[in-house]
Protein backbone atom coordinates (compact mmCIF):
# COMPACT_ATOMS: atom_id res chain seq x y z
CA MET A 1 -1.54 -21.31 -22.72
CA THR A 2 -0.77 -23.60 -19.79
CA TYR A 3 -3.58 -24.37 -17.36
CA GLN A 4 -3.59 -26.44 -14.22
CA ALA A 5 -7.05 -27.74 -15.17
CA GLN A 6 -9.92 -27.11 -17.54
CA PRO A 7 -12.36 -24.37 -16.44
CA LYS A 8 -15.07 -26.88 -15.55
CA PHE A 9 -12.64 -28.71 -13.27
CA TYR A 10 -11.83 -25.49 -11.39
CA SER A 11 -15.28 -25.21 -9.86
CA GLU A 12 -15.25 -28.91 -8.94
CA ARG A 13 -11.84 -28.89 -7.25
CA GLN A 14 -11.88 -25.53 -5.47
CA GLU A 15 -12.26 -26.05 -1.77
CA GLN A 16 -14.22 -23.66 0.41
CA GLY A 17 -11.96 -21.31 2.30
CA LYS A 18 -8.77 -22.05 0.37
CA ILE A 19 -6.84 -19.15 -1.16
CA LYS A 20 -6.87 -19.36 -4.96
CA VAL A 21 -3.62 -18.47 -6.74
CA VAL A 22 -2.62 -17.94 -10.37
CA LEU A 23 1.09 -18.24 -11.25
CA VAL A 24 2.49 -16.05 -14.04
CA ASP A 25 6.12 -16.81 -14.91
CA ASP A 26 7.89 -17.88 -18.09
CA SER A 27 10.05 -20.35 -16.12
CA ASN A 28 8.64 -23.86 -15.72
CA VAL A 29 11.05 -24.40 -12.84
CA ALA A 30 9.90 -21.26 -10.99
CA ARG A 31 6.23 -22.15 -11.42
CA SER A 32 6.77 -25.68 -10.12
CA ILE A 33 8.72 -24.37 -7.11
CA PHE A 34 6.02 -21.82 -6.26
CA GLU A 35 3.32 -24.46 -6.64
CA ARG A 36 5.12 -26.92 -4.36
CA VAL A 37 5.80 -24.27 -1.70
CA LEU A 38 2.25 -22.90 -1.70
CA LEU A 39 0.46 -26.24 -1.74
CA SER A 40 2.53 -27.38 1.24
CA SER A 41 0.65 -24.86 3.40
CA GLY A 42 -2.60 -26.81 3.09
CA HIS A 43 -4.54 -23.54 2.80
CA ILE A 44 -3.71 -22.55 -0.78
CA GLU A 45 -4.63 -24.00 -4.18
CA ILE A 46 -3.28 -23.20 -7.64
CA VAL A 47 -6.14 -22.49 -10.05
CA GLY A 48 -4.11 -21.57 -13.12
CA CYS A 49 -0.69 -20.94 -14.64
CA ALA A 50 0.50 -18.72 -17.48
CA GLN A 51 3.88 -18.42 -19.19
CA SER A 52 3.45 -14.80 -20.28
CA ALA A 53 1.57 -11.64 -19.43
CA SER A 54 -0.71 -12.08 -22.44
CA GLU A 55 -1.62 -15.62 -21.38
CA ALA A 56 -2.31 -14.35 -17.86
CA ILE A 57 -4.78 -11.78 -19.16
CA GLU A 58 -6.60 -14.48 -21.14
CA LEU A 59 -6.57 -16.82 -18.16
CA LEU A 60 -8.12 -14.22 -15.85
CA ASP A 61 -11.13 -14.08 -18.16
CA ILE A 62 -11.76 -17.71 -17.22
CA VAL A 63 -10.68 -18.12 -13.60
CA LYS A 64 -11.06 -15.99 -10.49
CA ALA A 65 -8.05 -15.74 -8.23
CA ASP A 66 -7.45 -14.23 -4.83
CA ILE A 67 -3.74 -13.81 -5.57
CA ILE A 68 -1.72 -13.49 -8.78
CA LEU A 69 2.03 -14.11 -8.51
CA LEU A 70 3.60 -12.12 -11.35
CA ASP A 71 7.15 -12.09 -12.68
CA ILE A 72 8.61 -8.89 -14.18
CA GLU A 73 11.04 -10.14 -16.82
CA MET A 74 9.07 -12.13 -19.38
CA PRO A 75 9.25 -12.31 -23.19
CA ASN A 76 7.30 -9.90 -25.41
CA ARG A 77 5.66 -7.97 -22.56
CA THR A 78 7.03 -7.39 -19.09
CA GLY A 79 5.02 -7.86 -15.94
CA LEU A 80 5.19 -4.13 -15.24
CA GLU A 81 3.86 -3.27 -18.70
CA ALA A 82 0.95 -5.63 -18.25
CA LEU A 83 0.30 -4.95 -14.57
CA PRO A 84 -2.53 -2.37 -14.94
CA GLU A 85 -4.44 -4.67 -17.30
CA ILE A 86 -3.83 -7.70 -15.09
CA ILE A 87 -5.14 -5.80 -12.05
CA GLU A 88 -8.25 -4.81 -13.99
CA LYS A 89 -8.83 -8.39 -15.18
CA ALA A 90 -8.22 -9.72 -11.67
CA ASP A 91 -11.41 -7.96 -10.50
CA GLY A 92 -10.31 -7.61 -6.90
CA GLY A 93 -7.62 -10.30 -6.89
CA LYS A 94 -4.31 -9.02 -5.53
CA VAL A 95 -1.03 -9.03 -7.40
CA ILE A 96 2.29 -9.92 -5.76
CA ILE A 97 5.43 -9.32 -7.82
CA VAL A 98 7.85 -12.24 -7.39
CA SER A 99 10.99 -11.42 -9.35
CA SER A 100 14.75 -11.35 -8.99
CA PHE A 101 14.52 -7.88 -10.52
CA VAL A 102 12.98 -6.25 -7.43
CA ASP A 103 15.96 -7.23 -5.28
CA THR A 104 18.46 -5.28 -7.38
CA ASN A 105 16.28 -2.56 -8.83
CA GLY A 106 14.52 -0.29 -6.35
CA PRO A 107 12.68 1.69 -9.04
CA ALA A 108 11.12 -1.51 -10.38
CA ALA A 109 9.67 -2.37 -6.97
CA ILE A 110 8.37 1.15 -6.40
CA LYS A 111 6.92 1.26 -9.91
CA ALA A 112 5.11 -2.02 -9.29
CA LEU A 113 3.69 -0.77 -5.99
CA SER A 114 2.72 2.54 -7.62
CA LEU A 115 0.82 0.68 -10.33
CA GLY A 116 -1.17 -1.23 -7.74
CA ALA A 117 0.79 -4.36 -6.84
CA CYS A 118 0.22 -5.24 -3.20
CA ASP A 119 3.72 -6.41 -2.39
CA THR A 120 7.01 -7.60 -3.87
CA LEU A 121 9.26 -10.55 -3.11
CA SER A 122 12.68 -11.36 -4.53
CA LYS A 123 13.06 -14.73 -6.22
CA PRO A 124 15.58 -17.14 -4.70
CA GLY A 125 19.02 -17.18 -6.31
CA LYS A 126 20.91 -19.94 -8.04
CA SER A 127 21.69 -21.54 -4.68
CA GLY A 128 18.09 -22.74 -4.52
CA VAL A 129 15.00 -22.09 -2.43
CA ARG A 130 15.80 -21.20 1.15
CA GLY A 131 13.42 -21.81 4.00
CA ASP A 132 13.00 -18.09 4.57
CA PHE A 133 11.79 -17.56 0.98
CA SER A 134 9.24 -20.35 1.34
CA LYS A 135 8.00 -18.91 4.61
CA GLN A 136 7.87 -15.36 3.22
CA LEU A 137 5.94 -16.48 0.15
CA VAL A 138 3.37 -18.50 2.09
CA ASP A 139 3.00 -15.77 4.73
CA MET A 140 2.52 -13.09 2.07
CA VAL A 141 -0.11 -15.08 0.17
CA MET A 142 -1.93 -15.98 3.39
CA ARG A 143 -1.80 -12.38 4.63
CA LEU A 144 -3.16 -10.89 1.41
CA GLY A 145 -5.40 -13.70 0.27
CA GLY A 146 -8.50 -12.90 2.28
CA LYS A 147 -11.97 -12.46 0.91
CA ARG A 148 -11.90 -11.13 -2.62
CA LYS A 149 -13.47 -7.77 -3.28
CA HIS A 150 -15.03 -7.54 -6.74
CA ILE A 151 -14.56 -4.08 -8.17
CA SER A 152 -16.50 -4.24 -11.42
CA ASN A 153 -19.97 -2.82 -11.98
CA ILE A 154 -20.07 -0.85 -8.74
CA PRO A 155 -22.04 2.40 -9.07
CA ASN A 156 -20.35 5.70 -8.29
CA LEU A 157 -22.38 7.29 -5.51
CA PRO A 158 -22.26 11.05 -4.88
CA ILE A 159 -19.83 12.07 -2.15
CA THR A 160 -20.49 14.79 0.40
CA LEU A 161 -17.10 16.32 1.16
CA PRO A 162 -16.41 17.21 4.78
CA GLU A 163 -15.74 20.85 5.59
CA ILE A 164 -12.70 21.56 7.74
CA GLU A 165 -10.70 24.52 8.96
CA LYS A 166 -7.39 25.04 7.18
CA PRO A 167 -4.97 22.55 8.83
CA LYS A 168 -1.47 23.61 9.81
CA ALA A 169 -0.09 20.15 9.00
CA ILE A 170 -1.23 17.02 7.17
CA PHE A 171 -0.24 13.54 8.35
CA ILE A 172 -0.58 10.41 6.21
CA GLY A 173 -0.16 6.80 7.32
CA ALA A 174 -0.27 3.85 4.92
CA SER A 175 0.94 0.31 4.31
CA THR A 176 -0.12 -2.37 1.81
CA GLY A 177 -1.68 -0.68 -1.22
CA GLY A 178 -0.84 2.74 0.17
CA ILE A 179 1.58 3.98 -2.47
CA PRO A 180 -1.00 4.48 -5.27
CA SER A 181 -3.37 6.03 -2.71
CA ILE A 182 -0.71 8.51 -1.58
CA GLU A 183 0.08 9.39 -5.17
CA GLU A 184 -3.61 9.83 -5.97
CA PHE A 185 -3.91 12.31 -3.11
CA LEU A 186 -0.74 14.23 -3.99
CA LYS A 187 -1.48 14.58 -7.69
CA ASN A 188 -4.87 16.12 -6.88
CA ILE A 189 -3.91 18.68 -4.23
CA SER A 190 -3.69 22.30 -5.23
CA LYS A 191 -0.57 24.47 -5.12
CA ASN A 192 -2.54 26.58 -2.65
CA VAL A 193 -2.15 23.81 -0.05
CA THR A 194 0.79 25.15 1.91
CA ALA A 195 0.63 22.89 4.98
CA PRO A 196 3.62 20.56 5.37
CA ILE A 197 2.77 16.94 4.63
CA PHE A 198 4.22 14.08 6.67
CA ILE A 199 4.09 10.54 5.25
CA ALA A 200 4.74 7.26 7.07
CA GLN A 201 4.53 4.43 4.53
CA HIS A 202 5.61 0.92 5.54
CA LEU A 203 8.54 0.35 3.20
CA PRO A 204 12.09 -1.04 3.54
CA ASP A 205 14.73 1.67 3.82
CA VAL A 206 16.45 0.55 0.61
CA PHE A 207 13.37 1.75 -1.33
CA ILE A 208 12.89 5.11 0.40
CA SER A 209 15.06 7.15 -1.99
CA TYR A 210 13.19 5.73 -4.99
CA PHE A 211 9.86 6.40 -3.31
CA ALA A 212 10.95 9.99 -2.60
CA ARG A 213 11.81 10.44 -6.27
CA GLN A 214 8.41 9.05 -7.29
CA LEU A 215 6.66 11.46 -4.93
CA TYR A 216 8.60 14.41 -6.32
CA LEU A 217 7.67 13.52 -9.89
CA MET A 218 4.04 13.24 -8.80
CA SER A 219 3.78 16.38 -6.67
CA LYS A 220 6.62 18.69 -7.78
CA ARG A 221 7.08 19.49 -4.09
CA LYS A 222 10.32 19.25 -2.16
CA ILE A 223 10.62 15.77 -0.62
CA ILE A 224 12.76 15.37 2.51
CA SER A 225 13.54 11.91 3.87
CA ILE A 226 14.02 12.30 7.61
CA TYR A 227 17.20 10.91 9.14
CA GLU A 228 18.01 13.79 11.49
CA LYS A 229 16.32 16.68 13.28
CA THR A 230 15.00 19.12 10.68
CA LYS A 231 13.12 22.40 10.90
CA ILE A 232 9.73 22.22 9.20
CA THR A 233 8.99 24.41 6.17
CA ASP A 234 5.51 24.96 4.76
CA GLY A 235 4.81 23.22 1.46
CA ASN A 236 7.41 20.47 1.89
CA ILE A 237 6.72 16.75 2.09
CA TYR A 238 8.51 14.85 4.86
CA LEU A 239 9.00 11.13 4.41
CA ALA A 240 9.57 8.65 7.23
CA PRO A 241 12.69 6.48 6.99
CA GLY A 242 12.43 2.75 6.50
CA ASN A 243 14.83 2.00 9.35
CA GLY A 244 13.24 4.11 12.08
CA HIS A 245 10.29 6.31 12.95
CA MET A 246 9.40 9.90 12.05
CA VAL A 247 8.04 12.18 14.79
CA VAL A 248 7.33 15.90 15.12
CA GLU A 249 8.61 17.75 18.18
CA LYS A 250 7.40 21.09 19.49
CA THR A 251 9.69 23.55 21.25
CA ARG A 252 8.81 26.98 22.60
CA SER A 253 9.37 28.68 19.27
CA ASN A 254 9.36 26.01 16.54
CA ILE A 255 8.20 22.57 15.50
CA PHE A 256 10.81 20.14 14.18
CA VAL A 257 10.61 16.77 12.51
CA ASN A 258 13.00 14.09 13.69
CA LYS A 259 13.90 10.41 13.42
CA ILE A 260 13.81 8.08 16.40
CA ASP A 261 15.23 4.57 16.27
CA GLU A 262 12.93 2.88 18.77
CA TYR A 263 9.20 3.05 19.41
CA ASP A 264 8.06 0.38 21.84
CA ASP A 265 4.32 0.76 21.23
CA SER A 266 4.36 -0.54 17.65
CA TYR A 267 5.46 -3.58 15.67
CA TYR A 268 5.81 -1.57 12.47
CA THR A 269 8.68 0.43 10.99
CA PRO A 270 8.11 3.21 10.26
CA SER A 271 5.28 3.48 12.75
CA VAL A 272 2.18 5.46 11.87
CA ASP A 273 1.22 5.41 15.56
CA ALA A 274 4.52 7.11 16.47
CA LEU A 275 3.90 9.85 13.91
CA PHE A 276 0.26 10.38 14.92
CA HIS A 277 1.01 10.46 18.66
CA SER A 278 3.66 13.12 18.09
CA ALA A 279 1.30 15.08 15.81
CA ALA A 280 -1.30 15.20 18.57
CA ASN A 281 1.26 16.64 20.98
CA ALA A 282 2.77 19.13 18.53
CA TYR A 283 -0.23 20.32 16.52
CA GLY A 284 -3.37 19.33 18.43
CA SER A 285 -6.54 20.47 16.70
CA ASP A 286 -4.52 22.05 13.87
CA ALA A 287 -3.60 18.59 12.48
CA LEU A 288 -5.36 16.67 9.72
CA ALA A 289 -4.58 12.94 9.66
CA MET A 290 -5.37 10.45 6.90
CA ILE A 291 -5.18 6.69 7.25
CA LEU A 292 -4.84 5.07 3.85
CA SER A 293 -4.80 1.48 2.60
CA GLY A 294 -2.90 -0.94 4.79
CA MET A 295 -3.02 -4.22 6.66
CA GLY A 296 -3.19 -4.37 10.43
CA GLN A 297 -4.02 -1.58 12.87
CA ASP A 298 -1.01 0.74 12.76
CA GLY A 299 -2.29 4.29 13.21
CA CYS A 300 -5.34 3.32 15.27
CA LYS A 301 -3.77 4.12 18.66
CA GLY A 302 -2.27 7.31 17.30
CA ALA A 303 -5.64 8.30 15.88
CA LYS A 304 -7.09 8.09 19.40
CA SER A 305 -4.49 10.60 20.59
CA LEU A 306 -5.34 12.87 17.68
CA ALA A 307 -9.06 12.58 18.39
CA ASN A 308 -8.45 13.47 22.04
CA SER A 309 -6.64 16.59 20.79
CA ASN A 310 -9.62 17.50 18.56
CA SER A 311 -7.71 16.77 15.37
CA THR A 312 -9.52 15.72 12.20
CA ILE A 313 -9.04 12.10 11.12
CA TRP A 314 -10.12 10.64 7.79
CA SER A 315 -9.99 7.04 6.60
CA GLN A 316 -9.72 5.85 3.03
CA ASP A 317 -13.02 4.27 2.04
CA GLN A 318 -13.20 0.50 1.82
CA GLU A 319 -14.02 0.37 -1.86
CA SER A 320 -10.85 2.21 -3.00
CA CYS A 321 -8.54 0.34 -0.58
CA VAL A 322 -6.41 -2.63 -1.49
CA VAL A 323 -6.59 -3.58 2.20
CA TRP A 324 -9.00 -1.87 4.59
CA GLY A 325 -7.29 -3.00 7.80
CA MET A 326 -5.66 0.24 8.97
CA PRO A 327 -8.37 2.69 7.85
CA GLY A 328 -11.08 0.23 8.86
CA SER A 329 -9.71 -0.04 12.40
CA ALA A 330 -10.03 3.72 12.87
CA VAL A 331 -13.59 3.65 11.52
CA LYS A 332 -14.58 0.79 13.82
CA ASP A 333 -12.92 2.59 16.74
CA GLY A 334 -14.95 5.73 16.09
CA THR A 335 -11.97 8.03 15.65
CA SER A 336 -12.40 8.59 11.91
CA SER A 337 -14.91 11.29 10.97
CA ALA A 338 -15.07 10.53 7.23
CA GLN A 339 -14.43 7.72 4.77
CA LEU A 340 -13.20 9.05 1.44
CA LYS A 341 -11.31 8.17 -1.70
CA PRO A 342 -7.85 9.83 -1.87
CA GLN A 343 -8.94 12.21 -4.63
CA ASP A 344 -11.92 13.30 -2.53
CA MET A 345 -9.60 13.90 0.42
CA ALA A 346 -7.55 16.15 -1.86
CA GLU A 347 -10.64 18.04 -3.00
CA ALA A 348 -11.74 18.64 0.60
CA VAL A 349 -8.26 19.89 1.52
CA ASN A 350 -8.17 22.14 -1.55
CA LYS A 351 -11.47 23.63 -0.48
CA ALA A 352 -10.08 24.45 2.98
CA PHE A 353 -7.17 26.31 1.39
CA SER A 354 -9.21 28.09 -1.28
CA SER A 355 -10.16 31.09 0.84
């Protein structure tokens, strides 16, 4: 195993406030490039390196990292195969997949995100490291490398499920860490839940078709990616595009779902705020909205519109989130009426549709 320092030296050299990173890649060249790029920020330190997934798992028994950079293609055991165990060993540290494989293989990126990776980034090509890669890597590590949340040895407290009227539509907004949360919700909802489900997940458009396929395999419901005006059918799942925004529109006789290219009141694409604002106008108190794991505040403004329309808004609880930014903003704003794990959200919805 290759270490940057002996375990005793880690505690001596770690500086207060710096983001601690472990590099997992079988390429010495890649590891040295990542180290040079990250250290240049002045806010990041490398606390360990591993040349394989097995070495990474051993290393994480010794060191604590805020971020683990993980390659996919490695000898003996791929990064994807080892990812669940690495996440468990990381004890709250966040995994970023950095691999040339995610640039050419959409399913690999979606699989990594589904398994709990926080984000993916394509390795630079043979032409060398471009400035945009360096900036993206540093920005991603800085953005995700906040205070670590230890997840081991936390007691499971009893949950009191909220009681709601049967909603006519369910709206879900998510970003970083949202894909496994969405899947956790969908795999636990009953066939009796007939309300259409609308999902806005921050994701590049190139990955949307793979994400739709993943959702179908998880839910066995019809998945429709929205690129044009479409009449809504009960029981279907409607997925926001990655190159625009999904909104619902009410006419005198029907409610449609549509794509819009511009939404000035949000920095994000697709925008959860755009979806939630439209849901308030189209469904009012008949809407149920869920804000799942994600960085930033997308969905918070839309949640205010929903609250003003007497809709029900739930936030994913902090403990089960990869990043509590989006759901936390709705809690702090007072618009969220409950903080729940995705499976508990599903149970509460099932209960509403059981009678």
